[in-house]
Amino acid sequence: MALSCIIFDCDGVILESVPVKTRAFARIAEPFGAEAADRLVMYHKAHGGVSRYKKFEWLYREVLGREITQKELADLGRKFAEIAFEEVCRCDLVPGVEAVLKHWQGRVPMYICSGAPHEELHVILQGRGLDHYFAGIYGSPPAKAELLRGILEQAGADPATAVMIGDSVTDLDAATFVGTLFYGRGGELRGGSFPWGEDLTGLSAWLEAQYTGGS
């Protein structure tokens, strides 16, 4: 069965940026107290791959007890970007990912499907010199499952011949909902009934072993 496309999350799959963003969420909530900061960080860790704006809405609704205004939402988005952007632009790549990108470039179309804001994602990947590897780079909105489905439709790809590479339950749920295969990266997904690696050093070998006609 030929491999039709490879779809990557970004934070924790392309870039080692998850700790950067965890620290940013803690700083966002600090003005509301230590408990608020702790709860937002816990929620963020449990919902990797979800838009930061959804997490801000959760903070206000579930922790602060009111709905967030559009102005507050926009202000927090700007503050978060100011805190995290430069560090994300400098952080390490996930071990093995650059070799994967080089190995499959020109062989199978590759895409980014991320919960990060669409425009910010483009700027970061272009600044890191990684954008040329991808046939398309897509961020939020919409939510991850809808975004993934849209990528497959654009690519004209059968979900059964596509692979989503992710590091969170949100990524796994999106792949399951849309019907792609899934390869997990990182400890949060350890022990699932899908291929998994501590990093991406084994990904290309797994893809080659699973698929014929992908070269």
N, C-alpha and C. Protein backbone atom coordinates (compact mmCIF):
# COMPACT_ATOMS: atom_id res chain seq x y z
N MET A 1 0.84 -1.19 0.00
CA MET A 1 0.00 0.00 0.00
C MET A 1 0.89 1.25 0.00
N ALA A 2 0.67 2.16 -0.94
CA ALA A 2 1.50 3.36 -1.05
C ALA A 2 1.13 4.36 0.05
N LEU A 3 2.13 5.03 0.53
CA LEU A 3 1.94 6.08 1.53
C LEU A 3 1.55 7.37 0.80
N SER A 4 0.39 7.96 1.13
CA SER A 4 -0.09 9.13 0.39
C SER A 4 0.41 10.44 0.95
N CYS A 5 0.52 10.55 2.28
CA CYS A 5 1.07 11.77 2.87
C CYS A 5 1.44 11.52 4.33
N ILE A 6 2.34 12.36 4.82
CA ILE A 6 2.79 12.33 6.21
C ILE A 6 2.43 13.67 6.81
N ILE A 7 1.73 13.65 7.94
CA ILE A 7 1.23 14.87 8.56
C ILE A 7 1.80 14.98 9.97
N PHE A 8 2.45 16.09 10.24
CA PHE A 8 3.14 16.31 11.51
C PHE A 8 2.43 17.38 12.34
N ASP A 9 2.29 17.13 13.64
CA ASP A 9 2.08 18.22 14.57
C ASP A 9 3.39 19.02 14.61
N CYS A 10 3.39 20.18 15.23
CA CYS A 10 4.62 20.97 15.29
C CYS A 10 5.27 20.93 16.67
N ASP A 11 4.61 21.49 17.68
CA ASP A 11 5.19 21.52 19.03
C ASP A 11 5.34 20.10 19.56
N GLY A 12 6.58 19.72 19.90
CA GLY A 12 6.83 18.39 20.42
C GLY A 12 7.05 17.33 19.37
N VAL A 13 6.90 17.70 18.09
CA VAL A 13 7.10 16.75 16.99
C VAL A 13 8.15 17.28 16.01
N ILE A 14 8.03 18.53 15.65
CA ILE A 14 9.06 19.19 14.85
C ILE A 14 10.03 19.95 15.76
N LEU A 15 9.48 20.74 16.65
CA LEU A 15 10.27 21.58 17.57
C LEU A 15 10.10 21.12 19.01
N GLU A 16 11.18 21.20 19.78
CA GLU A 16 11.12 20.87 21.21
C GLU A 16 10.61 22.10 21.97
N SER A 17 9.41 22.51 21.64
CA SER A 17 8.86 23.77 22.12
C SER A 17 7.81 23.60 23.20
N VAL A 18 7.47 22.39 23.56
CA VAL A 18 6.43 22.18 24.58
C VAL A 18 6.83 22.79 25.92
N PRO A 19 8.07 22.61 26.42
CA PRO A 19 8.42 23.25 27.70
C PRO A 19 8.36 24.77 27.63
N VAL A 20 8.72 25.35 26.48
CA VAL A 20 8.64 26.80 26.30
C VAL A 20 7.20 27.27 26.51
N LYS A 21 6.28 26.60 25.87
CA LYS A 21 4.88 27.02 25.94
C LYS A 21 4.26 26.72 27.30
N THR A 22 4.73 25.68 27.96
CA THR A 22 4.26 25.41 29.32
C THR A 22 4.64 26.56 30.25
N ARG A 23 5.88 27.03 30.14
CA ARG A 23 6.30 28.18 30.95
C ARG A 23 5.49 29.43 30.60
N ALA A 24 5.18 29.60 29.33
CA ALA A 24 4.40 30.77 28.91
C ALA A 24 3.00 30.73 29.51
N PHE A 25 2.36 29.57 29.54
CA PHE A 25 1.04 29.47 30.16
C PHE A 25 1.10 29.79 31.65
N ALA A 26 2.15 29.35 32.32
CA ALA A 26 2.30 29.66 33.74
C ALA A 26 2.40 31.16 33.96
N ARG A 27 3.16 31.84 33.12
CA ARG A 27 3.30 33.29 33.26
C ARG A 27 2.01 34.03 32.94
N ILE A 28 1.25 33.52 31.98
CA ILE A 28 -0.03 34.13 31.63
C ILE A 28 -0.96 34.15 32.84
N ALA A 29 -0.97 33.06 33.60
CA ALA A 29 -1.92 32.92 34.71
C ALA A 29 -1.38 33.45 36.04
N GLU A 30 -0.10 33.77 36.12
CA GLU A 30 0.49 34.24 37.38
C GLU A 30 -0.26 35.42 38.02
N PRO A 31 -0.72 36.41 37.23
CA PRO A 31 -1.43 37.53 37.86
C PRO A 31 -2.70 37.12 38.60
N PHE A 32 -3.22 35.93 38.31
CA PHE A 32 -4.44 35.45 38.95
C PHE A 32 -4.13 34.57 40.15
N GLY A 33 -2.86 34.39 40.47
CA GLY A 33 -2.47 33.61 41.63
C GLY A 33 -1.83 32.28 41.28
N ALA A 34 -1.13 31.71 42.27
CA ALA A 34 -0.39 30.47 42.05
C ALA A 34 -1.30 29.31 41.71
N GLU A 35 -2.46 29.24 42.34
CA GLU A 35 -3.38 28.13 42.06
C GLU A 35 -3.88 28.20 40.61
N ALA A 36 -4.20 29.40 40.15
CA ALA A 36 -4.64 29.56 38.76
C ALA A 36 -3.56 29.13 37.80
N ALA A 37 -2.31 29.52 38.10
CA ALA A 37 -1.19 29.15 37.23
C ALA A 37 -1.01 27.64 37.20
N ASP A 38 -1.08 27.01 38.37
CA ASP A 38 -0.92 25.55 38.44
C ASP A 38 -2.03 24.84 37.67
N ARG A 39 -3.26 25.32 37.81
CA ARG A 39 -4.38 24.66 37.14
C ARG A 39 -4.31 24.84 35.62
N LEU A 40 -3.90 26.02 35.17
CA LEU A 40 -3.79 26.22 33.72
C LEU A 40 -2.68 25.36 33.14
N VAL A 41 -1.56 25.24 33.84
CA VAL A 41 -0.47 24.38 33.37
C VAL A 41 -0.93 22.93 33.30
N MET A 42 -1.64 22.47 34.31
CA MET A 42 -2.15 21.09 34.31
C MET A 42 -3.11 20.88 33.14
N TYR A 43 -3.98 21.85 32.91
CA TYR A 43 -4.93 21.74 31.81
C TYR A 43 -4.21 21.73 30.46
N HIS A 44 -3.22 22.60 30.33
CA HIS A 44 -2.41 22.65 29.11
C HIS A 44 -1.74 21.31 28.84
N LYS A 45 -1.13 20.73 29.87
CA LYS A 45 -0.43 19.45 29.69
C LYS A 45 -1.39 18.32 29.32
N ALA A 46 -2.60 18.39 29.83
CA ALA A 46 -3.59 17.35 29.54
C ALA A 46 -4.26 17.54 28.19
N HIS A 47 -4.08 18.72 27.59
CA HIS A 47 -4.76 19.03 26.33
C HIS A 47 -3.78 19.61 25.32
N GLY A 48 -2.65 18.93 25.16
CA GLY A 48 -1.70 19.34 24.14
C GLY A 48 -2.36 19.28 22.77
N GLY A 49 -2.01 20.24 21.91
CA GLY A 49 -2.60 20.27 20.58
C GLY A 49 -3.87 21.08 20.47
N VAL A 50 -4.39 21.54 21.62
CA VAL A 50 -5.57 22.40 21.64
C VAL A 50 -5.13 23.85 21.54
N SER A 51 -5.87 24.67 20.82
CA SER A 51 -5.54 26.08 20.65
C SER A 51 -5.35 26.77 22.00
N ARG A 52 -4.34 27.64 22.07
CA ARG A 52 -4.11 28.41 23.30
C ARG A 52 -5.33 29.25 23.67
N TYR A 53 -6.10 29.70 22.68
CA TYR A 53 -7.28 30.52 22.96
C TYR A 53 -8.36 29.72 23.67
N LYS A 54 -8.49 28.44 23.33
CA LYS A 54 -9.42 27.57 24.05
C LYS A 54 -8.97 27.40 25.50
N LYS A 55 -7.66 27.37 25.72
CA LYS A 55 -7.14 27.23 27.08
C LYS A 55 -7.36 28.50 27.87
N PHE A 56 -7.25 29.67 27.24
CA PHE A 56 -7.56 30.92 27.93
C PHE A 56 -9.04 30.98 28.31
N GLU A 57 -9.91 30.53 27.39
CA GLU A 57 -11.35 30.50 27.69
C GLU A 57 -11.63 29.60 28.88
N TRP A 58 -10.94 28.44 28.91
CA TRP A 58 -11.11 27.51 30.03
C TRP A 58 -10.67 28.16 31.33
N LEU A 59 -9.54 28.85 31.34
CA LEU A 59 -9.02 29.52 32.55
C LEU A 59 -10.06 30.47 33.12
N TYR A 60 -10.62 31.30 32.28
CA TYR A 60 -11.59 32.27 32.77
C TYR A 60 -12.88 31.60 33.25
N ARG A 61 -13.36 30.63 32.47
CA ARG A 61 -14.64 30.01 32.81
C ARG A 61 -14.53 29.12 34.04
N GLU A 62 -13.52 28.24 34.06
CA GLU A 62 -13.45 27.20 35.09
C GLU A 62 -12.67 27.62 36.33
N VAL A 63 -11.72 28.54 36.17
CA VAL A 63 -10.89 28.94 37.31
C VAL A 63 -11.33 30.31 37.85
N LEU A 64 -11.57 31.26 36.95
CA LEU A 64 -11.92 32.61 37.39
C LEU A 64 -13.43 32.82 37.50
N GLY A 65 -14.22 31.88 36.95
CA GLY A 65 -15.66 31.92 37.15
C GLY A 65 -16.42 32.90 36.30
N ARG A 66 -15.87 33.25 35.14
CA ARG A 66 -16.61 34.12 34.22
C ARG A 66 -16.12 33.88 32.80
N GLU A 67 -16.87 34.38 31.83
CA GLU A 67 -16.48 34.24 30.43
C GLU A 67 -15.46 35.32 30.08
N ILE A 68 -14.52 34.98 29.27
CA ILE A 68 -13.51 35.93 28.81
C ILE A 68 -14.08 36.80 27.70
N THR A 69 -13.70 38.08 27.68
CA THR A 69 -14.14 38.96 26.60
C THR A 69 -13.22 38.78 25.39
N GLN A 70 -13.68 39.24 24.25
CA GLN A 70 -12.85 39.16 23.04
C GLN A 70 -11.58 39.99 23.20
N LYS A 71 -11.68 41.13 23.86
CA LYS A 71 -10.49 41.96 24.07
C LYS A 71 -9.49 41.24 24.97
N GLU A 72 -9.98 40.64 26.05
CA GLU A 72 -9.09 39.90 26.95
C GLU A 72 -8.44 38.73 26.22
N LEU A 73 -9.22 38.05 25.38
CA LEU A 73 -8.69 36.92 24.62
C LEU A 73 -7.57 37.38 23.69
N ALA A 74 -7.80 38.48 22.99
CA ALA A 74 -6.78 39.01 22.08
C ALA A 74 -5.55 39.48 22.84
N ASP A 75 -5.76 40.13 23.99
CA ASP A 75 -4.63 40.61 24.79
C ASP A 75 -3.77 39.46 25.30
N LEU A 76 -4.41 38.39 25.77
CA LEU A 76 -3.66 37.24 26.25
C LEU A 76 -2.91 36.56 25.11
N GLY A 77 -3.54 36.50 23.92
CA GLY A 77 -2.86 35.93 22.76
C GLY A 77 -1.60 36.70 22.42
N ARG A 78 -1.68 38.02 22.44
CA ARG A 78 -0.49 38.85 22.17
C ARG A 78 0.58 38.66 23.24
N LYS A 79 0.14 38.61 24.49
CA LYS A 79 1.10 38.45 25.58
C LYS A 79 1.80 37.09 25.50
N PHE A 80 1.03 36.06 25.21
CA PHE A 80 1.60 34.72 25.08
C PHE A 80 2.66 34.69 23.97
N ALA A 81 2.34 35.28 22.82
CA ALA A 81 3.29 35.31 21.70
C ALA A 81 4.55 36.06 22.09
N GLU A 82 4.41 37.16 22.81
CA GLU A 82 5.58 37.93 23.24
C GLU A 82 6.48 37.12 24.16
N ILE A 83 5.86 36.34 25.04
CA ILE A 83 6.62 35.53 25.99
C ILE A 83 7.35 34.38 25.28
N ALA A 84 6.64 33.70 24.37
CA ALA A 84 7.13 32.42 23.84
C ALA A 84 7.84 32.51 22.50
N PHE A 85 7.52 33.51 21.68
CA PHE A 85 7.92 33.48 20.28
C PHE A 85 9.43 33.35 20.07
N GLU A 86 10.21 34.22 20.69
CA GLU A 86 11.66 34.20 20.44
C GLU A 86 12.30 32.90 20.88
N GLU A 87 11.84 32.36 22.01
CA GLU A 87 12.41 31.10 22.50
C GLU A 87 12.04 29.93 21.59
N VAL A 88 10.81 29.94 21.07
CA VAL A 88 10.41 28.89 20.12
C VAL A 88 11.27 28.96 18.86
N CYS A 89 11.59 30.16 18.44
CA CYS A 89 12.42 30.33 17.25
C CYS A 89 13.84 29.81 17.45
N ARG A 90 14.26 29.66 18.71
CA ARG A 90 15.63 29.20 19.00
C ARG A 90 15.70 27.77 19.51
N CYS A 91 14.58 27.17 19.87
CA CYS A 91 14.63 25.87 20.55
C CYS A 91 15.12 24.77 19.61
N ASP A 92 15.53 23.66 20.20
CA ASP A 92 16.05 22.53 19.44
C ASP A 92 14.97 21.88 18.59
N LEU A 93 15.42 21.19 17.53
CA LEU A 93 14.52 20.30 16.80
C LEU A 93 14.37 19.00 17.57
N VAL A 94 13.25 18.32 17.40
CA VAL A 94 13.06 16.99 17.98
C VAL A 94 14.11 16.06 17.37
N PRO A 95 14.82 15.28 18.17
CA PRO A 95 15.83 14.37 17.62
C PRO A 95 15.26 13.46 16.54
N GLY A 96 15.93 13.42 15.40
CA GLY A 96 15.54 12.56 14.30
C GLY A 96 14.64 13.20 13.27
N VAL A 97 13.99 14.34 13.61
CA VAL A 97 12.99 14.87 12.68
C VAL A 97 13.62 15.44 11.41
N GLU A 98 14.78 16.07 11.51
CA GLU A 98 15.38 16.64 10.30
C GLU A 98 15.75 15.54 9.31
N ALA A 99 16.25 14.42 9.82
CA ALA A 99 16.58 13.30 8.94
C ALA A 99 15.32 12.74 8.29
N VAL A 100 14.22 12.68 9.02
CA VAL A 100 12.95 12.22 8.45
C VAL A 100 12.51 13.15 7.32
N LEU A 101 12.57 14.45 7.56
CA LEU A 101 12.14 15.41 6.55
C LEU A 101 12.99 15.31 5.29
N LYS A 102 14.29 15.17 5.46
CA LYS A 102 15.18 15.04 4.30
C LYS A 102 14.94 13.73 3.56
N HIS A 103 14.67 12.67 4.31
CA HIS A 103 14.49 11.35 3.70
C HIS A 103 13.24 11.29 2.83
N TRP A 104 12.15 11.93 3.29
CA TRP A 104 10.88 11.81 2.59
C TRP A 104 10.58 12.98 1.66
N GLN A 105 11.36 14.04 1.72
CA GLN A 105 11.11 15.18 0.84
C GLN A 105 11.21 14.75 -0.63
N GLY A 106 10.21 15.11 -1.41
CA GLY A 106 10.18 14.74 -2.81
C GLY A 106 9.67 13.34 -3.08
N ARG A 107 9.45 12.58 -2.02
CA ARG A 107 8.94 11.22 -2.17
C ARG A 107 7.46 11.14 -1.80
N VAL A 108 7.12 11.74 -0.68
CA VAL A 108 5.74 11.73 -0.18
C VAL A 108 5.42 13.14 0.31
N PRO A 109 4.28 13.71 -0.04
CA PRO A 109 3.93 15.05 0.45
C PRO A 109 3.84 15.06 1.98
N MET A 110 4.38 16.12 2.56
CA MET A 110 4.36 16.27 4.02
C MET A 110 3.63 17.57 4.38
N TYR A 111 2.92 17.54 5.50
CA TYR A 111 2.11 18.67 5.94
C TYR A 111 2.31 18.91 7.43
N ILE A 112 2.04 20.14 7.86
CA ILE A 112 1.97 20.47 9.27
C ILE A 112 0.50 20.69 9.64
N CYS A 113 0.10 20.07 10.76
CA CYS A 113 -1.26 20.22 11.30
C CYS A 113 -1.12 20.52 12.79
N SER A 114 -1.23 21.80 13.15
CA SER A 114 -0.87 22.24 14.50
C SER A 114 -1.98 23.04 15.15
N GLY A 115 -2.00 23.02 16.47
CA GLY A 115 -2.92 23.86 17.22
C GLY A 115 -2.44 25.28 17.40
N ALA A 116 -1.19 25.57 16.98
CA ALA A 116 -0.66 26.93 17.08
C ALA A 116 -1.35 27.82 16.04
N PRO A 117 -1.41 29.13 16.28
CA PRO A 117 -2.04 30.03 15.31
C PRO A 117 -1.38 29.95 13.93
N HIS A 118 -2.20 29.97 12.90
CA HIS A 118 -1.75 29.72 11.53
C HIS A 118 -0.62 30.64 11.10
N GLU A 119 -0.78 31.95 11.25
CA GLU A 119 0.23 32.89 10.76
C GLU A 119 1.53 32.75 11.55
N GLU A 120 1.42 32.60 12.86
CA GLU A 120 2.61 32.45 13.71
C GLU A 120 3.39 31.20 13.30
N LEU A 121 2.68 30.14 13.01
CA LEU A 121 3.31 28.88 12.60
C LEU A 121 4.15 29.07 11.34
N HIS A 122 3.59 29.77 10.35
CA HIS A 122 4.32 30.04 9.11
C HIS A 122 5.59 30.83 9.38
N VAL A 123 5.49 31.87 10.20
CA VAL A 123 6.65 32.72 10.48
C VAL A 123 7.75 31.91 11.16
N ILE A 124 7.38 31.09 12.13
CA ILE A 124 8.37 30.30 12.87
C ILE A 124 9.06 29.28 11.96
N LEU A 125 8.29 28.52 11.20
CA LEU A 125 8.89 27.48 10.36
C LEU A 125 9.71 28.09 9.22
N GLN A 126 9.25 29.22 8.70
CA GLN A 126 10.04 29.91 7.67
C GLN A 126 11.34 30.43 8.27
N GLY A 127 11.26 31.01 9.47
CA GLY A 127 12.46 31.51 10.12
C GLY A 127 13.45 30.41 10.48
N ARG A 128 12.95 29.22 10.73
CA ARG A 128 13.82 28.07 11.05
C ARG A 128 14.33 27.38 9.79
N GLY A 129 13.89 27.84 8.61
CA GLY A 129 14.32 27.22 7.36
C GLY A 129 13.73 25.85 7.13
N LEU A 130 12.54 25.61 7.69
CA LEU A 130 11.90 24.30 7.59
C LEU A 130 10.70 24.29 6.67
N ASP A 131 10.20 25.45 6.30
CA ASP A 131 8.94 25.52 5.55
C ASP A 131 9.01 24.83 4.19
N HIS A 132 10.21 24.77 3.59
CA HIS A 132 10.33 24.20 2.24
C HIS A 132 10.08 22.70 2.20
N TYR A 133 10.10 22.05 3.36
CA TYR A 133 9.86 20.61 3.39
C TYR A 133 8.38 20.27 3.18
N PHE A 134 7.49 21.22 3.40
CA PHE A 134 6.07 20.91 3.52
C PHE A 134 5.25 21.39 2.34
N ALA A 135 4.33 20.53 1.90
CA ALA A 135 3.38 20.90 0.85
C ALA A 135 2.33 21.86 1.38
N GLY A 136 2.13 21.89 2.69
CA GLY A 136 1.18 22.80 3.31
C GLY A 136 1.45 22.89 4.80
N ILE A 137 1.26 24.09 5.37
CA ILE A 137 1.45 24.34 6.79
C ILE A 137 0.15 24.94 7.31
N TYR A 138 -0.51 24.25 8.26
CA TYR A 138 -1.83 24.65 8.70
C TYR A 138 -1.90 24.69 10.22
N GLY A 139 -2.39 25.83 10.75
CA GLY A 139 -2.58 25.99 12.18
C GLY A 139 -4.01 26.35 12.49
N SER A 140 -4.27 26.58 13.77
CA SER A 140 -5.63 26.88 14.22
C SER A 140 -5.99 28.34 13.94
N PRO A 141 -7.29 28.65 13.89
CA PRO A 141 -8.38 27.67 13.83
C PRO A 141 -8.42 26.99 12.46
N PRO A 142 -9.13 25.89 12.31
CA PRO A 142 -10.08 25.25 13.23
C PRO A 142 -9.39 24.28 14.18
N ALA A 143 -10.20 23.45 14.85
CA ALA A 143 -9.67 22.44 15.76
C ALA A 143 -8.92 21.36 14.98
N LYS A 144 -8.13 20.58 15.71
CA LYS A 144 -7.19 19.64 15.09
C LYS A 144 -7.85 18.63 14.15
N ALA A 145 -8.95 18.01 14.56
CA ALA A 145 -9.59 17.00 13.71
C ALA A 145 -10.10 17.61 12.41
N GLU A 146 -10.71 18.78 12.50
CA GLU A 146 -11.21 19.45 11.30
C GLU A 146 -10.06 19.87 10.40
N LEU A 147 -8.99 20.33 11.01
CA LEU A 147 -7.81 20.73 10.26
C LEU A 147 -7.21 19.54 9.52
N LEU A 148 -7.10 18.41 10.21
CA LEU A 148 -6.54 17.20 9.61
C LEU A 148 -7.41 16.72 8.45
N ARG A 149 -8.71 16.73 8.64
CA ARG A 149 -9.61 16.32 7.57
C ARG A 149 -9.46 17.22 6.34
N GLY A 150 -9.32 18.52 6.58
CA GLY A 150 -9.13 19.45 5.47
C GLY A 150 -7.85 19.21 4.70
N ILE A 151 -6.79 18.86 5.40
CA ILE A 151 -5.51 18.56 4.74
C ILE A 151 -5.66 17.35 3.83
N LEU A 152 -6.30 16.32 4.33
CA LEU A 152 -6.49 15.11 3.53
C LEU A 152 -7.34 15.39 2.29
N GLU A 153 -8.37 16.21 2.46
CA GLU A 153 -9.21 16.56 1.32
C GLU A 153 -8.42 17.34 0.29
N GLN A 154 -7.62 18.28 0.74
CA GLN A 154 -6.80 19.06 -0.18
C GLN A 154 -5.80 18.17 -0.92
N ALA A 155 -5.21 17.21 -0.19
CA ALA A 155 -4.22 16.32 -0.78
C ALA A 155 -4.86 15.24 -1.64
N GLY A 156 -6.18 15.07 -1.55
CA GLY A 156 -6.84 13.98 -2.26
C GLY A 156 -6.38 12.63 -1.76
N ALA A 157 -6.12 12.55 -0.45
CA ALA A 157 -5.52 11.35 0.13
C ALA A 157 -6.56 10.50 0.85
N ASP A 158 -6.47 9.20 0.66
CA ASP A 158 -7.26 8.24 1.43
C ASP A 158 -6.70 8.23 2.86
N PRO A 159 -7.52 8.49 3.88
CA PRO A 159 -7.01 8.49 5.25
C PRO A 159 -6.26 7.22 5.63
N ALA A 160 -6.67 6.10 5.08
CA ALA A 160 -6.03 4.83 5.42
C ALA A 160 -4.59 4.75 4.94
N THR A 161 -4.20 5.63 4.02
CA THR A 161 -2.83 5.62 3.49
C THR A 161 -2.02 6.81 3.99
N ALA A 162 -2.58 7.55 4.98
CA ALA A 162 -1.90 8.71 5.55
C ALA A 162 -1.51 8.43 7.00
N VAL A 163 -0.46 9.09 7.46
CA VAL A 163 0.01 8.91 8.83
C VAL A 163 0.08 10.28 9.51
N MET A 164 -0.51 10.37 10.70
CA MET A 164 -0.38 11.55 11.55
C MET A 164 0.68 11.28 12.59
N ILE A 165 1.63 12.21 12.72
CA ILE A 165 2.69 12.10 13.73
C ILE A 165 2.38 13.11 14.82
N GLY A 166 2.13 12.63 16.04
CA GLY A 166 1.75 13.54 17.11
C GLY A 166 2.31 13.15 18.45
N ASP A 167 2.20 14.10 19.40
CA ASP A 167 2.73 13.86 20.74
C ASP A 167 1.68 14.02 21.83
N SER A 168 0.40 14.10 21.45
CA SER A 168 -0.64 14.35 22.45
C SER A 168 -1.87 13.51 22.17
N VAL A 169 -2.71 13.40 23.19
CA VAL A 169 -3.98 12.70 23.04
C VAL A 169 -4.86 13.41 22.01
N THR A 170 -4.76 14.74 21.94
CA THR A 170 -5.52 15.49 20.94
C THR A 170 -5.14 15.06 19.53
N ASP A 171 -3.85 14.86 19.29
CA ASP A 171 -3.39 14.39 17.98
C ASP A 171 -3.93 12.99 17.68
N LEU A 172 -3.84 12.12 18.68
CA LEU A 172 -4.34 10.75 18.52
C LEU A 172 -5.84 10.74 18.26
N ASP A 173 -6.58 11.55 19.01
CA ASP A 173 -8.03 11.60 18.82
C ASP A 173 -8.38 12.10 17.41
N ALA A 174 -7.64 13.10 16.92
CA ALA A 174 -7.90 13.62 15.58
C ALA A 174 -7.65 12.54 14.53
N ALA A 175 -6.53 11.83 14.67
CA ALA A 175 -6.21 10.76 13.72
C ALA A 175 -7.27 9.66 13.74
N THR A 176 -7.72 9.30 14.93
CA THR A 176 -8.74 8.27 15.08
C THR A 176 -10.06 8.72 14.45
N PHE A 177 -10.43 9.96 14.71
CA PHE A 177 -11.69 10.50 14.19
C PHE A 177 -11.70 10.54 12.66
N VAL A 178 -10.56 10.98 12.09
CA VAL A 178 -10.49 11.13 10.63
C VAL A 178 -10.19 9.81 9.94
N GLY A 179 -9.49 8.90 10.63
CA GLY A 179 -9.23 7.57 10.07
C GLY A 179 -7.83 7.36 9.54
N THR A 180 -6.88 8.24 9.92
CA THR A 180 -5.49 8.02 9.51
C THR A 180 -4.81 7.06 10.49
N LEU A 181 -3.66 6.57 10.09
CA LEU A 181 -2.80 5.87 11.03
C LEU A 181 -2.12 6.91 11.91
N PHE A 182 -1.51 6.43 12.98
CA PHE A 182 -0.92 7.35 13.95
C PHE A 182 0.41 6.81 14.44
N TYR A 183 1.39 7.72 14.55
CA TYR A 183 2.69 7.40 15.15
C TYR A 183 2.91 8.39 16.29
N GLY A 184 3.10 7.86 17.50
CA GLY A 184 3.22 8.72 18.67
C GLY A 184 4.66 9.02 19.03
N ARG A 185 4.87 10.25 19.49
CA ARG A 185 6.18 10.67 19.97
C ARG A 185 6.06 11.17 21.41
N GLY A 186 6.89 10.65 22.28
CA GLY A 186 6.98 11.18 23.63
C GLY A 186 6.22 10.41 24.67
N GLY A 187 6.59 10.66 25.93
CA GLY A 187 6.11 9.86 27.05
C GLY A 187 4.63 9.90 27.30
N GLU A 188 3.95 10.99 26.94
CA GLU A 188 2.51 11.06 27.18
C GLU A 188 1.76 9.94 26.49
N LEU A 189 2.30 9.46 25.36
CA LEU A 189 1.61 8.45 24.56
C LEU A 189 2.20 7.05 24.72
N ARG A 190 3.13 6.90 25.64
CA ARG A 190 3.76 5.59 25.84
C ARG A 190 2.73 4.53 26.20
N GLY A 191 2.86 3.35 25.59
CA GLY A 191 2.03 2.21 25.97
C GLY A 191 0.73 2.08 25.21
N GLY A 192 0.52 2.92 24.18
CA GLY A 192 -0.69 2.80 23.38
C GLY A 192 -0.58 1.67 22.37
N SER A 193 -1.67 1.42 21.67
CA SER A 193 -1.71 0.34 20.67
C SER A 193 -1.35 0.86 19.29
N PHE A 194 -0.32 1.68 19.23
CA PHE A 194 0.14 2.27 17.98
C PHE A 194 1.66 2.38 18.05
N PRO A 195 2.33 2.51 16.91
CA PRO A 195 3.79 2.67 16.95
C PRO A 195 4.16 3.95 17.69
N TRP A 196 5.28 3.91 18.38
CA TRP A 196 5.65 4.99 19.29
C TRP A 196 7.16 5.07 19.40
N GLY A 197 7.66 6.27 19.61
CA GLY A 197 9.09 6.44 19.85
C GLY A 197 9.34 7.56 20.83
N GLU A 198 10.42 7.47 21.58
CA GLU A 198 10.82 8.53 22.50
C GLU A 198 11.13 9.81 21.72
N ASP A 199 11.63 9.61 20.50
CA ASP A 199 11.85 10.71 19.56
C ASP A 199 11.50 10.19 18.17
N LEU A 200 12.01 10.83 17.11
CA LEU A 200 11.64 10.40 15.76
C LEU A 200 12.77 9.69 15.02
N THR A 201 13.76 9.21 15.75
CA THR A 201 14.88 8.53 15.09
C THR A 201 14.47 7.23 14.43
N GLY A 202 13.38 6.61 14.88
CA GLY A 202 12.94 5.35 14.28
C GLY A 202 11.79 5.49 13.30
N LEU A 203 11.34 6.72 13.03
CA LEU A 203 10.14 6.90 12.22
C LEU A 203 10.33 6.46 10.78
N SER A 204 11.40 6.89 10.14
CA SER A 204 11.58 6.55 8.72
C SER A 204 11.66 5.04 8.50
N ALA A 205 12.37 4.34 9.40
CA ALA A 205 12.48 2.89 9.27
C ALA A 205 11.11 2.24 9.40
N TRP A 206 10.28 2.75 10.33
CA TRP A 206 8.94 2.19 10.49
C TRP A 206 8.11 2.43 9.24
N LEU A 207 8.16 3.63 8.70
CA LEU A 207 7.40 3.93 7.50
C LEU A 207 7.84 3.06 6.33
N GLU A 208 9.13 2.89 6.16
CA GLU A 208 9.65 2.06 5.07
C GLU A 208 9.20 0.61 5.24
N ALA A 209 9.18 0.14 6.47
CA ALA A 209 8.79 -1.25 6.73
C ALA A 209 7.30 -1.48 6.51
N GLN A 210 6.51 -0.46 6.78
CA GLN A 210 5.06 -0.60 6.70
C GLN A 210 4.51 -0.46 5.29
N TYR A 211 5.17 0.37 4.50
CA TYR A 211 4.59 0.76 3.21
C TYR A 211 5.50 0.41 2.06
N THR A 212 4.93 -0.19 1.05
CA THR A 212 5.62 -0.34 -0.23
C THR A 212 4.98 0.61 -1.20
N GLY A 213 5.73 1.07 -2.17
CA GLY A 213 5.20 2.02 -3.13
C GLY A 213 5.33 3.46 -2.67
N GLY A 214 5.88 3.69 -1.46
CA GLY A 214 6.04 5.05 -0.98
C GLY A 214 7.29 5.72 -1.48
N SER A 215 8.17 4.98 -2.15
CA SER A 215 9.42 5.58 -2.59
C SER A 215 9.30 6.00 -4.04
